Amino acid sequence: MCHHRLPIGIQTFSKLREGGFIYVDKTAFIEPLVNGGGYYFLSRPRRFGKSLFLSTLQSYFEGRRDLFKGLALDSADVDWTPSPVLHFDFNSGTFDDEEVQKETSRRRLI
């Protein structure tokens, strides 16, 4: 009998890994993404793992190597030195007006 749990609705990498949920390892994509330089626009349909992948990137940049044990990135030659991470969540709020956008962004940086 399988005792692994499906991560229904979980969008946080640390919760997924610490909770023993099933995870399809996509961490092999992180090293070339980080070391390739440039800007990236991550576009996928809704419910295709954008939030989870961004949370995975956040855990990497925070130096949380413990979360990557047994995954592809754990054996890659990468720098695990923690870096500051700014997380902007634009899922809440109204962004129709430029002044509202600026004020909302200012409040989120504080």
PDB file of N, CA and C in Angstrom:
ATOM      1  N   MET A   1       0.842  -1.183   0.000  1.00  0.00           N
ATOM      2  CA  MET A   1       0.000   0.000   0.000  1.00  0.00           C
ATOM      3  C   MET A   1       0.885   1.245   0.000  1.00  0.00           C
ATOM      4  N   CYS A   2       0.545   2.225  -0.820  1.00  0.00           N
ATOM      5  CA  CYS A   2       1.318   3.460  -0.932  1.00  0.00           C
ATOM      6  C   CYS A   2       0.962   4.408   0.208  1.00  0.00           C
ATOM      7  N   HIS A   3       1.988   4.931   0.889  1.00  0.00           N
ATOM      8  CA  HIS A   3       1.772   5.847   2.005  1.00  0.00           C
ATOM      9  C   HIS A   3       2.152   7.277   1.663  1.00  0.00           C
ATOM     10  N   HIS A   4       2.443   7.528   0.405  1.00  0.00           N
ATOM     11  CA  HIS A   4       2.776   8.886  -0.018  1.00  0.00           C
ATOM     12  C   HIS A   4       1.496   9.671  -0.252  1.00  0.00           C
ATOM     13  N   ARG A   5       1.558  10.934   0.056  1.00  0.00           N
ATOM     14  CA  ARG A   5       0.384  11.786  -0.099  1.00  0.00           C
ATOM     15  C   ARG A   5       0.523  12.663  -1.325  1.00  0.00           C
ATOM     16  N   LEU A   6      -0.588  12.942  -1.970  1.00  0.00           N
ATOM     17  CA  LEU A   6      -0.597  13.843  -3.117  1.00  0.00           C
ATOM     18  C   LEU A   6      -0.665  15.283  -2.611  1.00  0.00           C
ATOM     19  N   PRO A   7       0.107  16.167  -3.215  1.00  0.00           N
ATOM     20  CA  PRO A   7       0.165  17.557  -2.742  1.00  0.00           C
ATOM     21  C   PRO A   7      -0.948  18.438  -3.319  1.00  0.00           C
ATOM     22  N   ILE A   8      -2.181  18.069  -3.105  1.00  0.00           N
ATOM     23  CA  ILE A   8      -3.303  18.826  -3.646  1.00  0.00           C
ATOM     24  C   ILE A   8      -3.342  20.222  -3.006  1.00  0.00           C
ATOM     25  N   GLY A   9      -3.234  21.254  -3.832  1.00  0.00           N
ATOM     26  CA  GLY A   9      -3.332  22.629  -3.360  1.00  0.00           C
ATOM     27  C   GLY A   9      -2.091  23.183  -2.676  1.00  0.00           C
ATOM     28  N   ILE A  10      -1.017  22.414  -2.582  1.00  0.00           N
ATOM     29  CA  ILE A  10       0.205  22.898  -1.923  1.00  0.00           C
ATOM     30  C   ILE A  10       1.078  23.603  -2.957  1.00  0.00           C
ATOM     31  N   GLN A  11       1.418  24.861  -2.674  1.00  0.00           N
ATOM     32  CA  GLN A  11       2.220  25.652  -3.599  1.00  0.00           C
ATOM     33  C   GLN A  11       3.528  26.095  -2.964  1.00  0.00           C
ATOM     34  N   THR A  12       3.852  25.544  -1.813  1.00  0.00           N
ATOM     35  CA  THR A  12       5.070  25.921  -1.101  1.00  0.00           C
ATOM     36  C   THR A  12       6.005  24.722  -1.058  1.00  0.00           C
ATOM     37  N   PHE A  13       7.207  24.901  -1.616  1.00  0.00           N
ATOM     38  CA  PHE A  13       8.177  23.814  -1.713  1.00  0.00           C
ATOM     39  C   PHE A  13       8.528  23.238  -0.350  1.00  0.00           C
ATOM     40  N   SER A  14       8.738  24.089   0.643  1.00  0.00           N
ATOM     41  CA  SER A  14       9.115  23.592   1.969  1.00  0.00           C
ATOM     42  C   SER A  14       8.001  22.740   2.582  1.00  0.00           C
ATOM     43  N   LYS A  15       6.747  23.154   2.449  1.00  0.00           N
ATOM     44  CA  LYS A  15       5.630  22.357   2.976  1.00  0.00           C
ATOM     45  C   LYS A  15       5.545  21.017   2.274  1.00  0.00           C
ATOM     46  N   LEU A  16       5.744  21.030   0.980  1.00  0.00           N
ATOM     47  CA  LEU A  16       5.686  19.807   0.192  1.00  0.00           C
ATOM     48  C   LEU A  16       6.771  18.827   0.626  1.00  0.00           C
ATOM     49  N   ARG A  17       7.995  19.315   0.743  1.00  0.00           N
ATOM     50  CA  ARG A  17       9.124  18.441   1.092  1.00  0.00           C
ATOM     51  C   ARG A  17       9.076  17.999   2.552  1.00  0.00           C
ATOM     52  N   GLU A  18       8.749  18.911   3.455  1.00  0.00           N
ATOM     53  CA  GLU A  18       8.716  18.567   4.881  1.00  0.00           C
ATOM     54  C   GLU A  18       7.509  17.705   5.222  1.00  0.00           C
ATOM     55  N   GLY A  19       6.469  17.756   4.379  1.00  0.00           N
ATOM     56  CA  GLY A  19       5.258  16.987   4.640  1.00  0.00           C
ATOM     57  C   GLY A  19       5.257  15.599   4.029  1.00  0.00           C
ATOM     58  N   GLY A  20       6.317  15.242   3.321  1.00  0.00           N
ATOM     59  CA  GLY A  20       6.413  13.905   2.741  1.00  0.00           C
ATOM     60  C   GLY A  20       5.469  13.677   1.568  1.00  0.00           C
ATOM     61  N   PHE A  21       5.153  14.719   0.833  1.00  0.00           N
ATOM     62  CA  PHE A  21       4.266  14.590  -0.316  1.00  0.00           C
ATOM     63  C   PHE A  21       5.029  14.100  -1.536  1.00  0.00           C
ATOM     64  N   ILE A  22       4.318  13.556  -2.490  1.00  0.00           N
ATOM     65  CA  ILE A  22       4.908  13.152  -3.760  1.00  0.00           C
ATOM     66  C   ILE A  22       5.356  14.416  -4.492  1.00  0.00           C
ATOM     67  N   TYR A  23       6.565  14.367  -5.068  1.00  0.00           N
ATOM     68  CA  TYR A  23       7.109  15.520  -5.784  1.00  0.00           C
ATOM     69  C   TYR A  23       7.801  15.045  -7.049  1.00  0.00           C
ATOM     70  N   VAL A  24       7.425  15.609  -8.193  1.00  0.00           N
ATOM     71  CA  VAL A  24       8.109  15.336  -9.449  1.00  0.00           C
ATOM     72  C   VAL A  24       9.287  16.298  -9.503  1.00  0.00           C
ATOM     73  N   ASP A  25      10.497  15.745  -9.473  1.00  0.00           N
ATOM     74  CA  ASP A  25      11.714  16.551  -9.359  1.00  0.00           C
ATOM     75  C   ASP A  25      11.987  17.374 -10.617  1.00  0.00           C
ATOM     76  N   LYS A  26      11.863  18.694 -10.469  1.00  0.00           N
ATOM     77  CA  LYS A  26      12.178  19.619 -11.560  1.00  0.00           C
ATOM     78  C   LYS A  26      13.386  20.478 -11.201  1.00  0.00           C
ATOM     79  N   THR A  27      14.097  20.090 -10.147  1.00  0.00           N
ATOM     80  CA  THR A  27      15.208  20.918  -9.677  1.00  0.00           C
ATOM     81  C   THR A  27      16.404  20.917 -10.625  1.00  0.00           C
ATOM     82  N   ALA A  28      16.467  19.977 -11.549  1.00  0.00           N
ATOM     83  CA  ALA A  28      17.564  19.971 -12.528  1.00  0.00           C
ATOM     84  C   ALA A  28      17.511  21.208 -13.424  1.00  0.00           C
ATOM     85  N   PHE A  29      16.354  21.857 -13.512  1.00  0.00           N
ATOM     86  CA  PHE A  29      16.207  23.060 -14.331  1.00  0.00           C
ATOM     87  C   PHE A  29      16.749  24.304 -13.643  1.00  0.00           C
ATOM     88  N   ILE A  30      16.973  24.239 -12.343  1.00  0.00           N
ATOM     89  CA  ILE A  30      17.373  25.427 -11.596  1.00  0.00           C
ATOM     90  C   ILE A  30      18.795  25.866 -11.929  1.00  0.00           C
ATOM     91  N   GLU A  31      19.738  24.951 -11.953  1.00  0.00           N
ATOM     92  CA  GLU A  31      21.141  25.315 -12.203  1.00  0.00           C
ATOM     93  C   GLU A  31      21.328  26.026 -13.533  1.00  0.00           C
ATOM     94  N   PRO A  32      20.819  25.496 -14.653  1.00  0.00           N
ATOM     95  CA  PRO A  32      20.998  26.243 -15.910  1.00  0.00           C
ATOM     96  C   PRO A  32      20.228  27.560 -15.931  1.00  0.00           C
ATOM     97  N   LEU A  33      19.107  27.619 -15.254  1.00  0.00           N
ATOM     98  CA  LEU A  33      18.329  28.849 -15.192  1.00  0.00           C
ATOM     99  C   LEU A  33      19.087  29.931 -14.433  1.00  0.00           C
ATOM    100  N   VAL A  34      19.656  29.562 -13.288  1.00  0.00           N
ATOM    101  CA  VAL A  34      20.374  30.518 -12.446  1.00  0.00           C
ATOM    102  C   VAL A  34      21.699  30.931 -13.078  1.00  0.00           C
ATOM    103  N   ASN A  35      22.420  29.996 -13.637  1.00  0.00           N
ATOM    104  CA  ASN A  35      23.741  30.296 -14.191  1.00  0.00           C
ATOM    105  C   ASN A  35      23.707  30.778 -15.641  1.00  0.00           C
ATOM    106  N   GLY A  36      22.559  30.691 -16.289  1.00  0.00           N
ATOM    107  CA  GLY A  36      22.453  31.092 -17.683  1.00  0.00           C
ATOM    108  C   GLY A  36      22.384  32.589 -17.872  1.00  0.00           C
ATOM    109  N   GLY A  37      22.038  33.301 -16.812  1.00  0.00           N
ATOM    110  CA  GLY A  37      21.937  34.751 -16.916  1.00  0.00           C
ATOM    111  C   GLY A  37      20.720  35.175 -17.713  1.00  0.00           C
ATOM    112  N   GLY A  38      20.466  36.444 -17.716  1.00  0.00           N
ATOM    113  CA  GLY A  38      19.347  36.979 -18.481  1.00  0.00           C
ATOM    114  C   GLY A  38      18.069  37.056 -17.671  1.00  0.00           C
ATOM    115  N   TYR A  39      17.009  37.437 -18.346  1.00  0.00           N
ATOM    116  CA  TYR A  39      15.697  37.565 -17.740  1.00  0.00           C
ATOM    117  C   TYR A  39      14.796  36.457 -18.256  1.00  0.00           C
ATOM    118  N   TYR A  40      13.888  35.989 -17.416  1.00  0.00           N
ATOM    119  CA  TYR A  40      12.996  34.919 -17.802  1.00  0.00           C
ATOM    120  C   TYR A  40      11.562  35.279 -17.472  1.00  0.00           C
ATOM    121  N   PHE A  41      10.664  34.936 -18.358  1.00  0.00           N
ATOM    122  CA  PHE A  41       9.240  35.088 -18.126  1.00  0.00           C
ATOM    123  C   PHE A  41       8.666  33.682 -18.055  1.00  0.00           C
ATOM    124  N   LEU A  42       8.179  33.309 -16.889  1.00  0.00           N
ATOM    125  CA  LEU A  42       7.629  31.962 -16.705  1.00  0.00           C
ATOM    126  C   LEU A  42       6.140  32.001 -17.009  1.00  0.00           C
ATOM    127  N   SER A  43       5.767  31.409 -18.120  1.00  0.00           N
ATOM    128  CA  SER A  43       4.383  31.424 -18.545  1.00  0.00           C
ATOM    129  C   SER A  43       3.882  30.000 -18.713  1.00  0.00           C
ATOM    130  N   ARG A  44       2.837  29.686 -18.004  1.00  0.00           N
ATOM    131  CA  ARG A  44       2.161  28.401 -18.126  1.00  0.00           C
ATOM    132  C   ARG A  44       0.691  28.636 -17.837  1.00  0.00           C
ATOM    133  N   PRO A  45      -0.162  27.726 -18.262  1.00  0.00           N
ATOM    134  CA  PRO A  45      -1.581  27.871 -17.895  1.00  0.00           C
ATOM    135  C   PRO A  45      -1.759  27.779 -16.382  1.00  0.00           C
ATOM    136  N   ARG A  46      -2.914  28.221 -15.915  1.00  0.00           N
ATOM    137  CA  ARG A  46      -3.229  28.113 -14.490  1.00  0.00           C
ATOM    138  C   ARG A  46      -3.103  26.662 -14.038  1.00  0.00           C
ATOM    139  N   ARG A  47      -2.667  26.492 -12.801  1.00  0.00           N
ATOM    140  CA  ARG A  47      -2.573  25.183 -12.148  1.00  0.00           C
ATOM    141  C   ARG A  47      -1.484  24.281 -12.737  1.00  0.00           C
ATOM    142  N   PHE A  48      -0.441  24.868 -13.354  1.00  0.00           N
ATOM    143  CA  PHE A  48       0.638  24.079 -13.924  1.00  0.00           C
ATOM    144  C   PHE A  48       1.958  24.239 -13.175  1.00  0.00           C
ATOM    145  N   GLY A  49       1.922  24.695 -11.937  1.00  0.00           N
ATOM    146  CA  GLY A  49       3.101  24.663 -11.100  1.00  0.00           C
ATOM    147  C   GLY A  49       3.996  25.884 -11.086  1.00  0.00           C
ATOM    148  N   LYS A  50       3.535  27.035 -11.557  1.00  0.00           N
ATOM    149  CA  LYS A  50       4.383  28.234 -11.521  1.00  0.00           C
ATOM    150  C   LYS A  50       4.712  28.628 -10.092  1.00  0.00           C
ATOM    151  N   SER A  51       3.695  28.677  -9.231  1.00  0.00           N
ATOM    152  CA  SER A  51       3.914  29.089  -7.841  1.00  0.00           C
ATOM    153  C   SER A  51       4.841  28.124  -7.121  1.00  0.00           C
ATOM    154  N   LEU A  52       4.670  26.831  -7.355  1.00  0.00           N
ATOM    155  CA  LEU A  52       5.536  25.839  -6.715  1.00  0.00           C
ATOM    156  C   LEU A  52       6.974  25.985  -7.206  1.00  0.00           C
ATOM    157  N   PHE A  53       7.160  26.205  -8.507  1.00  0.00           N
ATOM    158  CA  PHE A  53       8.519  26.355  -9.021  1.00  0.00           C
ATOM    159  C   PHE A  53       9.181  27.615  -8.472  1.00  0.00           C
ATOM    160  N   LEU A  54       8.423  28.704  -8.369  1.00  0.00           N
ATOM    161  CA  LEU A  54       8.986  29.928  -7.792  1.00  0.00           C
ATOM    162  C   LEU A  54       9.319  29.728  -6.317  1.00  0.00           C
ATOM    163  N   SER A  55       8.503  28.979  -5.602  1.00  0.00           N
ATOM    164  CA  SER A  55       8.797  28.661  -4.208  1.00  0.00           C
ATOM    165  C   SER A  55      10.058  27.795  -4.113  1.00  0.00           C
ATOM    166  N   THR A  56      10.236  26.893  -5.074  1.00  0.00           N
ATOM    167  CA  THR A  56      11.443  26.058  -5.120  1.00  0.00           C
ATOM    168  C   THR A  56      12.672  26.932  -5.345  1.00  0.00           C
ATOM    169  N   LEU A  57      12.571  27.887  -6.271  1.00  0.00           N
ATOM    170  CA  LEU A  57      13.667  28.830  -6.503  1.00  0.00           C
ATOM    171  C   LEU A  57      13.963  29.644  -5.244  1.00  0.00           C
ATOM    172  N   GLN A  58      12.924  30.082  -4.560  1.00  0.00           N
ATOM    173  CA  GLN A  58      13.106  30.841  -3.329  1.00  0.00           C
ATOM    174  C   GLN A  58      13.866  30.007  -2.300  1.00  0.00           C
ATOM    175  N   SER A  59      13.507  28.746  -2.135  1.00  0.00           N
ATOM    176  CA  SER A  59      14.199  27.874  -1.178  1.00  0.00           C
ATOM    177  C   SER A  59      15.661  27.702  -1.558  1.00  0.00           C
ATOM    178  N   TYR A  60      15.931  27.596  -2.859  1.00  0.00           N
ATOM    179  CA  TYR A  60      17.322  27.493  -3.308  1.00  0.00           C
ATOM    180  C   TYR A  60      18.101  28.758  -2.946  1.00  0.00           C
ATOM    181  N   PHE A  61      17.547  29.920  -3.288  1.00  0.00           N
ATOM    182  CA  PHE A  61      18.257  31.173  -3.018  1.00  0.00           C
ATOM    183  C   PHE A  61      18.388  31.443  -1.520  1.00  0.00           C
ATOM    184  N   GLU A  62      17.503  30.903  -0.715  1.00  0.00           N
ATOM    185  CA  GLU A  62      17.617  31.048   0.741  1.00  0.00           C
ATOM    186  C   GLU A  62      18.633  30.062   1.329  1.00  0.00           C
ATOM    187  N   GLY A  63      19.214  29.202   0.478  1.00  0.00           N
ATOM    188  CA  GLY A  63      20.235  28.261   0.931  1.00  0.00           C
ATOM    189  C   GLY A  63      19.682  27.065   1.680  1.00  0.00           C
ATOM    190  N   ARG A  64      18.444  26.681   1.452  1.00  0.00           N
ATOM    191  CA  ARG A  64      17.777  25.589   2.163  1.00  0.00           C
ATOM    192  C   ARG A  64      18.134  24.233   1.561  1.00  0.00           C
ATOM    193  N   ARG A  65      19.394  23.888   1.558  1.00  0.00           N
ATOM    194  CA  ARG A  65      19.849  22.648   0.933  1.00  0.00           C
ATOM    195  C   ARG A  65      19.164  21.419   1.529  1.00  0.00           C
ATOM    196  N   ASP A  66      18.782  21.491   2.801  1.00  0.00           N
ATOM    197  CA  ASP A  66      18.114  20.362   3.448  1.00  0.00           C
ATOM    198  C   ASP A  66      16.849  19.948   2.696  1.00  0.00           C
ATOM    199  N   LEU A  67      16.175  20.885   2.074  1.00  0.00           N
ATOM    200  CA  LEU A  67      14.946  20.572   1.344  1.00  0.00           C
ATOM    201  C   LEU A  67      15.218  19.853   0.024  1.00  0.00           C
ATOM    202  N   PHE A  68      16.444  19.914  -0.470  1.00  0.00           N
ATOM    203  CA  PHE A  68      16.786  19.351  -1.769  1.00  0.00           C
ATOM    204  C   PHE A  68      17.475  17.993  -1.669  1.00  0.00           C
ATOM    205  N   LYS A  69      17.564  17.458  -0.452  1.00  0.00           N
ATOM    206  CA  LYS A  69      18.217  16.149  -0.258  1.00  0.00           C
ATOM    207  C   LYS A  69      17.526  15.081  -1.107  1.00  0.00           C
ATOM    208  N   GLY A  70      18.325  14.394  -1.914  1.00  0.00           N
ATOM    209  CA  GLY A  70      17.817  13.334  -2.776  1.00  0.00           C
ATOM    210  C   GLY A  70      17.283  13.811  -4.114  1.00  0.00           C
ATOM    211  N   LEU A  71      17.295  15.117  -4.345  1.00  0.00           N
ATOM    212  CA  LEU A  71      16.823  15.664  -5.612  1.00  0.00           C
ATOM    213  C   LEU A  71      18.012  16.006  -6.511  1.00  0.00           C
ATOM    214  N   ALA A  72      17.745  16.283  -7.776  1.00  0.00           N
ATOM    215  CA  ALA A  72      18.810  16.545  -8.757  1.00  0.00           C
ATOM    216  C   ALA A  72      19.726  17.684  -8.333  1.00  0.00           C
ATOM    217  N   LEU A  73      19.177  18.748  -7.782  1.00  0.00           N
ATOM    218  CA  LEU A  73      19.997  19.910  -7.431  1.00  0.00           C
ATOM    219  C   LEU A  73      20.959  19.623  -6.280  1.00  0.00           C
ATOM    220  N   ASP A  74      20.643  18.650  -5.460  1.00  0.00           N
ATOM    221  CA  ASP A  74      21.499  18.305  -4.321  1.00  0.00           C
ATOM    222  C   ASP A  74      22.878  17.848  -4.781  1.00  0.00           C
ATOM    223  N   SER A  75      22.948  17.186  -5.917  1.00  0.00           N
ATOM    224  CA  SER A  75      24.245  16.691  -6.399  1.00  0.00           C
ATOM    225  C   SER A  75      24.883  17.606  -7.443  1.00  0.00           C
ATOM    226  N   ALA A  76      24.213  18.705  -7.770  1.00  0.00           N
ATOM    227  CA  ALA A  76      24.764  19.653  -8.754  1.00  0.00           C
ATOM    228  C   ALA A  76      25.802  20.554  -8.091  1.00  0.00           C
ATOM    229  N   ASP A  77      26.678  21.083  -8.904  1.00  0.00           N
ATOM    230  CA  ASP A  77      27.718  21.996  -8.426  1.00  0.00           C
ATOM    231  C   ASP A  77      27.147  23.419  -8.401  1.00  0.00           C
ATOM    232  N   VAL A  78      26.436  23.738  -7.304  1.00  0.00           N
ATOM    233  CA  VAL A  78      25.810  25.057  -7.169  1.00  0.00           C
ATOM    234  C   VAL A  78      26.226  25.686  -5.847  1.00  0.00           C
ATOM    235  N   ASP A  79      26.067  26.988  -5.769  1.00  0.00           N
ATOM    236  CA  ASP A  79      26.399  27.752  -4.572  1.00  0.00           C
ATOM    237  C   ASP A  79      25.172  27.796  -3.662  1.00  0.00           C
ATOM    238  N   TRP A  80      25.306  27.305  -2.442  1.00  0.00           N
ATOM    239  CA  TRP A  80      24.196  27.269  -1.496  1.00  0.00           C
ATOM    240  C   TRP A  80      24.224  28.439  -0.514  1.00  0.00           C
ATOM    241  N   THR A  81      25.033  29.453  -0.802  1.00  0.00           N
ATOM    242  CA  THR A  81      25.082  30.632   0.062  1.00  0.00           C
ATOM    243  C   THR A  81      23.733  31.350   0.014  1.00  0.00           C
ATOM    244  N   PRO A  82      23.110  31.587   1.171  1.00  0.00           N
ATOM    245  CA  PRO A  82      21.813  32.278   1.166  1.00  0.00           C
ATOM    246  C   PRO A  82      21.906  33.674   0.560  1.00  0.00           C
ATOM    247  N   SER A  83      20.874  34.035  -0.187  1.00  0.00           N
ATOM    248  CA  SER A  83      20.760  35.351  -0.813  1.00  0.00           C
ATOM    249  C   SER A  83      19.427  35.967  -0.411  1.00  0.00           C
ATOM    250  N   PRO A  84      19.352  37.291  -0.396  1.00  0.00           N
ATOM    251  CA  PRO A  84      18.057  37.917  -0.102  1.00  0.00           C
ATOM    252  C   PRO A  84      17.038  37.591  -1.198  1.00  0.00           C
ATOM    253  N   VAL A  85      15.811  37.390  -0.797  1.00  0.00           N
ATOM    254  CA  VAL A  85      14.737  37.075  -1.737  1.00  0.00           C
ATOM    255  C   VAL A  85      13.598  38.060  -1.514  1.00  0.00           C
ATOM    256  N   LEU A  86      13.179  38.738  -2.570  1.00  0.00           N
ATOM    257  CA  LEU A  86      12.002  39.599  -2.524  1.00  0.00           C
ATOM    258  C   LEU A  86      10.865  38.847  -3.200  1.00  0.00           C
ATOM    259  N   HIS A  87       9.770  38.699  -2.499  1.00  0.00           N
ATOM    260  CA  HIS A  87       8.622  37.960  -3.027  1.00  0.00           C
ATOM    261  C   HIS A  87       7.446  38.917  -3.161  1.00  0.00           C
ATOM    262  N   PHE A  88       7.016  39.149  -4.383  1.00  0.00           N
ATOM    263  CA  PHE A  88       5.865  40.001  -4.651  1.00  0.00           C
ATOM    264  C   PHE A  88       4.705  39.115  -5.081  1.00  0.00           C
ATOM    265  N   ASP A  89       3.604  39.207  -4.378  1.00  0.00           N
ATOM    266  CA  ASP A  89       2.421  38.431  -4.721  1.00  0.00           C
ATOM    267  C   ASP A  89       1.386  39.390  -5.299  1.00  0.00           C
ATOM    268  N   PHE A  90       1.139  39.281  -6.585  1.00  0.00           N
ATOM    269  CA  PHE A  90       0.187  40.154  -7.250  1.00  0.00           C
ATOM    270  C   PHE A  90      -1.167  39.481  -7.430  1.00  0.00           C
ATOM    271  N   ASN A  91      -1.403  38.405  -6.696  1.00  0.00           N
ATOM    272  CA  ASN A  91      -2.695  37.727  -6.766  1.00  0.00           C
ATOM    273  C   ASN A  91      -3.778  38.475  -6.011  1.00  0.00           C
ATOM    274  N   SER A  92      -3.401  39.318  -5.083  1.00  0.00           N
ATOM    275  CA  SER A  92      -4.396  40.058  -4.324  1.00  0.00           C
ATOM    276  C   SER A  92      -4.242  41.544  -4.630  1.00  0.00           C
ATOM    277  N   GLY A  93      -5.319  42.259  -4.540  1.00  0.00           N
ATOM    278  CA  GLY A  93      -5.261  43.695  -4.783  1.00  0.00           C
ATOM    279  C   GLY A  93      -5.766  44.057  -6.165  1.00  0.00           C
ATOM    280  N   THR A  94      -5.920  45.327  -6.360  1.00  0.00           N
ATOM    281  CA  THR A  94      -6.384  45.860  -7.636  1.00  0.00           C
ATOM    282  C   THR A  94      -5.220  46.578  -8.302  1.00  0.00           C
ATOM    283  N   PHE A  95      -4.991  46.281  -9.543  1.00  0.00           N
ATOM    284  CA  PHE A  95      -3.858  46.861 -10.251  1.00  0.00           C
ATOM    285  C   PHE A  95      -4.300  47.555 -11.536  1.00  0.00           C
ATOM    286  N   ASP A  96      -5.551  48.007 -11.556  1.00  0.00           N
ATOM    287  CA  ASP A  96      -6.072  48.698 -12.736  1.00  0.00           C
ATOM    288  C   ASP A  96      -5.548  50.126 -12.845  1.00  0.00           C
ATOM    289  N   ASP A  97      -5.177  50.700 -11.727  1.00  0.00           N
ATOM    290  CA  ASP A  97      -4.775  52.100 -11.671  1.00  0.00           C
ATOM    291  C   ASP A  97      -3.288  52.184 -11.312  1.00  0.00           C
ATOM    292  N   GLU A  98      -2.537  53.022 -12.027  1.00  0.00           N
ATOM    293  CA  GLU A  98      -1.086  53.129 -11.807  1.00  0.00           C
ATOM    294  C   GLU A  98      -0.750  53.575 -10.386  1.00  0.00           C
ATOM    295  N   GLU A  99      -1.491  54.523  -9.833  1.00  0.00           N
ATOM    296  CA  GLU A  99      -1.228  55.002  -8.467  1.00  0.00           C
ATOM    297  C   GLU A  99      -1.487  53.890  -7.441  1.00  0.00           C
ATOM    298  N   VAL A 100      -2.534  53.115  -7.662  1.00  0.00           N
ATOM    299  CA  VAL A 100      -2.824  51.987  -6.765  1.00  0.00           C
ATOM    300  C   VAL A 100      -1.695  50.973  -6.849  1.00  0.00           C
ATOM    301  N   GLN A 101      -1.190  50.718  -8.048  1.00  0.00           N
ATOM    302  CA  GLN A 101      -0.071  49.787  -8.221  1.00  0.00           C
ATOM    303  C   GLN A 101       1.155  50.254  -7.441  1.00  0.00           C
ATOM    304  N   LYS A 102       1.478  51.538  -7.564  1.00  0.00           N
ATOM    305  CA  LYS A 102       2.649  52.079  -6.869  1.00  0.00           C
ATOM    306  C   LYS A 102       2.483  51.983  -5.362  1.00  0.00           C
ATOM    307  N   GLU A 103       1.327  52.352  -4.842  1.00  0.00           N
ATOM    308  CA  GLU A 103       1.095  52.312  -3.400  1.00  0.00           C
ATOM    309  C   GLU A 103       1.107  50.877  -2.868  1.00  0.00           C
ATOM    310  N   THR A 104       0.503  49.971  -3.603  1.00  0.00           N
ATOM    311  CA  THR A 104       0.502  48.571  -3.193  1.00  0.00           C
ATOM    312  C   THR A 104       1.921  48.026  -3.171  1.00  0.00           C
ATOM    313  N   SER A 105       2.725  48.358  -4.179  1.00  0.00           N
ATOM    314  CA  SER A 105       4.120  47.901  -4.220  1.00  0.00           C
ATOM    315  C   SER A 105       4.917  48.493  -3.064  1.00  0.00           C
ATOM    316  N   ARG A 106       4.698  49.775  -2.755  1.00  0.00           N
ATOM    317  CA  ARG A 106       5.406  50.419  -1.633  1.00  0.00           C
ATOM    318  C   ARG A 106       5.088  49.717  -0.321  1.00  0.00           C
ATOM    319  N   ARG A 107       3.817  49.408  -0.086  1.00  0.00           N
ATOM    320  CA  ARG A 107       3.410  48.739   1.157  1.00  0.00           C
ATOM    321  C   ARG A 107       4.016  47.351   1.268  1.00  0.00           C
ATOM    322  N   ARG A 108       4.180  46.669   0.162  1.00  0.00           N
ATOM    323  CA  ARG A 108       4.711  45.306   0.200  1.00  0.00           C
ATOM    324  C   ARG A 108       6.224  45.273   0.419  1.00  0.00           C
ATOM    325  N   LEU A 109       6.892  46.372   0.135  1.00  0.00           N
ATOM    326  CA  LEU A 109       8.335  46.426   0.358  1.00  0.00           C
ATOM    327  C   LEU A 109       8.678  46.746   1.809  1.00  0.00           C
ATOM    328  N   ILE A 110       7.739  47.265   2.556  1.00  0.00           N
ATOM    329  CA  ILE A 110       8.008  47.658   3.954  1.00  0.00           C
ATOM    330  C   ILE A 110       7.907  46.456   4.855  1.00  0.00           C
TER     331      ILE A 110
END
